[in-house]
Amino acid sequence: MLYLPLTRKQIFWFEYAFLSLMICITFFVGLPFAGKTVGIWLTLLKSLVFLWAYLSIVLSAVSVGFDPFGAAFLFLLFDIVMGSIGSAKLSASFNPYKFISPLRQESMLASAVFAAVLTYASYRLFTTRSGER
């Protein structure tokens, strides 16, 4: 990565921009075949939130020296288990993680904020710890 004429900040944001662009392109290619509802745009937003959260986990893991595939798989397992416990309704089995889960996304706003916090943390780790392992 040192031989590229780009800074670490640029590399970090180019990764996010490229993958977000790929999701948007595939969304718009498939848009003519989807139903004409407002919910289809929510699918795009949910896909982007999922991408930003999981890419942040992978970049954070790489920045601190973990295996990117192992970290993504472990976070996916954690997300599946924690998202399946309890319910999102206020009761004895209330689970607030369902609101911020990148997989479940019971609250779109809470999931987006959680993904933004993860993105900021991975940005700080990637730029300060050099992102090279």
Protein backbone atom coordinates (compact mmCIF):
# COMPACT_ATOMS: atom_id res chain seq x y z
CA MET A 1 0.00 0.00 0.00
CA LEU A 2 2.97 2.32 0.47
CA TYR A 3 3.71 2.49 -3.24
CA LEU A 4 0.29 3.97 -4.05
CA PRO A 5 0.18 7.74 -4.55
CA LEU A 6 -2.72 7.99 -2.11
CA THR A 7 -2.95 8.76 1.56
CA ARG A 8 -4.43 6.27 4.00
CA LYS A 9 -7.48 8.51 4.41
CA GLN A 10 -8.11 8.45 0.67
CA ILE A 11 -7.75 4.68 0.51
CA PHE A 12 -10.20 4.28 3.39
CA TRP A 13 -12.88 6.48 1.80
CA PHE A 14 -12.30 5.04 -1.69
CA GLU A 15 -13.12 1.59 -0.31
CA TYR A 16 -16.40 2.84 1.10
CA ALA A 17 -17.24 4.85 -2.02
CA PHE A 18 -16.44 1.98 -4.40
CA LEU A 19 -18.47 -0.62 -2.52
CA SER A 20 -21.37 1.80 -1.98
CA LEU A 21 -21.32 2.56 -5.70
CA MET A 22 -21.41 -1.16 -6.49
CA ILE A 23 -24.48 -1.61 -4.28
CA CYS A 24 -26.20 1.39 -5.85
CA ILE A 25 -25.44 0.22 -9.39
CA THR A 26 -26.80 -3.26 -8.76
CA PHE A 27 -29.84 -1.72 -7.06
CA PHE A 28 -30.60 0.52 -10.04
CA VAL A 29 -30.03 -2.30 -12.52
CA GLY A 30 -32.63 -4.39 -10.71
CA LEU A 31 -35.01 -1.49 -10.05
CA PRO A 32 -37.10 -1.94 -13.23
CA PHE A 33 -37.89 -5.50 -12.14
CA ALA A 34 -38.96 -4.54 -8.60
CA GLY A 35 -42.33 -3.36 -7.41
CA LYS A 36 -43.08 0.34 -7.50
CA THR A 37 -43.32 0.96 -3.76
CA VAL A 38 -41.57 3.26 -1.33
CA GLY A 39 -40.25 0.21 0.53
CA ILE A 40 -37.86 -0.59 -2.30
CA TRP A 41 -35.84 2.54 -1.45
CA LEU A 42 -35.69 1.37 2.13
CA THR A 43 -34.01 -1.79 0.83
CA LEU A 44 -31.21 0.32 -0.65
CA LEU A 45 -30.71 2.18 2.63
CA LYS A 46 -30.70 -1.05 4.63
CA SER A 47 -28.14 -2.56 2.26
CA LEU A 48 -25.88 0.47 2.63
CA VAL A 49 -26.16 0.42 6.43
CA PHE A 50 -25.29 -3.28 6.41
CA LEU A 51 -22.29 -2.63 4.16
CA TRP A 52 -20.98 0.26 6.24
CA ALA A 53 -21.28 -1.67 9.50
CA TYR A 54 -19.62 -4.85 8.29
CA LEU A 55 -16.93 -3.08 6.29
CA SER A 56 -16.12 -1.08 9.42
CA ILE A 57 -15.75 -4.28 11.41
CA VAL A 58 -13.46 -5.80 8.79
CA LEU A 59 -11.28 -2.69 8.48
CA SER A 60 -11.05 -2.37 12.25
CA ALA A 61 -10.03 -6.01 12.54
CA VAL A 62 -7.37 -5.63 9.86
CA SER A 63 -6.04 -2.47 11.50
CA VAL A 64 -5.44 -4.22 14.81
CA GLY A 65 -4.00 -7.37 13.25
CA PHE A 66 -6.90 -9.83 13.11
CA ASP A 67 -7.92 -11.93 10.17
CA PRO A 68 -10.57 -9.99 8.18
CA PHE A 69 -12.61 -13.08 7.24
CA GLY A 70 -12.56 -14.49 10.75
CA ALA A 71 -13.57 -11.17 12.30
CA ALA A 72 -16.43 -10.69 9.84
CA PHE A 73 -17.64 -14.24 10.43
CA LEU A 74 -17.45 -13.89 14.21
CA PHE A 75 -19.32 -10.58 14.12
CA LEU A 76 -21.94 -12.14 11.85
CA LEU A 77 -22.40 -15.00 14.33
CA PHE A 78 -22.56 -12.51 17.20
CA ASP A 79 -25.12 -10.45 15.29
CA ILE A 80 -27.28 -13.49 14.49
CA VAL A 81 -27.24 -14.75 18.09
CA MET A 82 -27.77 -11.38 19.76
CA GLY A 83 -30.46 -10.40 17.25
CA SER A 84 -32.44 -13.57 17.83
CA ILE A 85 -32.58 -13.27 21.63
CA GLY A 86 -35.64 -11.58 23.07
CA SER A 87 -37.94 -9.12 21.33
CA ALA A 88 -37.97 -5.47 20.30
CA LYS A 89 -41.10 -4.76 22.34
CA LEU A 90 -40.92 -3.47 25.90
CA SER A 91 -41.38 -6.59 27.98
CA ALA A 92 -39.37 -8.93 30.16
CA SER A 93 -37.51 -10.21 27.09
CA PHE A 94 -36.63 -6.76 25.70
CA ASN A 95 -33.41 -6.75 23.66
CA PRO A 96 -32.13 -3.28 22.70
CA TYR A 97 -29.49 -4.78 20.38
CA LYS A 98 -32.22 -5.55 17.85
CA PHE A 99 -32.53 -1.83 17.18
CA ILE A 100 -28.86 -1.32 16.25
CA SER A 101 -28.21 -4.71 14.67
CA PRO A 102 -26.89 -4.34 11.09
CA LEU A 103 -28.64 -7.58 10.18
CA ARG A 104 -32.05 -7.08 11.85
CA GLN A 105 -32.37 -3.27 11.67
CA GLU A 106 -35.53 -2.92 13.75
CA SER A 107 -34.84 0.83 13.86
CA MET A 108 -33.37 2.23 10.67
CA LEU A 109 -32.12 5.37 12.41
CA ALA A 110 -30.46 3.50 15.28
CA SER A 111 -28.79 1.07 12.85
CA ALA A 112 -27.51 3.95 10.72
CA VAL A 113 -26.11 5.73 13.79
CA PHE A 114 -24.45 2.50 14.94
CA ALA A 115 -22.92 2.02 11.47
CA ALA A 116 -21.70 5.64 11.51
CA VAL A 117 -20.06 5.12 14.92
CA LEU A 118 -18.40 1.93 13.66
CA THR A 119 -17.25 3.76 10.53
CA TYR A 120 -15.71 6.56 12.59
CA ALA A 121 -13.95 4.07 14.86
CA SER A 122 -12.57 2.10 11.94
CA TYR A 123 -11.48 5.35 10.23
CA ARG A 124 -9.53 6.34 13.33
CA LEU A 125 -7.98 2.88 13.63
CA PHE A 126 -7.14 2.64 9.92
CA THR A 127 -5.50 6.06 9.72
CA THR A 128 -3.66 5.99 13.05
CA ARG A 129 -2.58 2.34 13.08
CA SER A 130 -1.59 2.59 9.41
CA GLY A 131 -3.99 -0.10 8.17
CA GLU A 132 -1.10 -2.38 7.18
CA ARG A 133 -0.69 -5.79 8.75
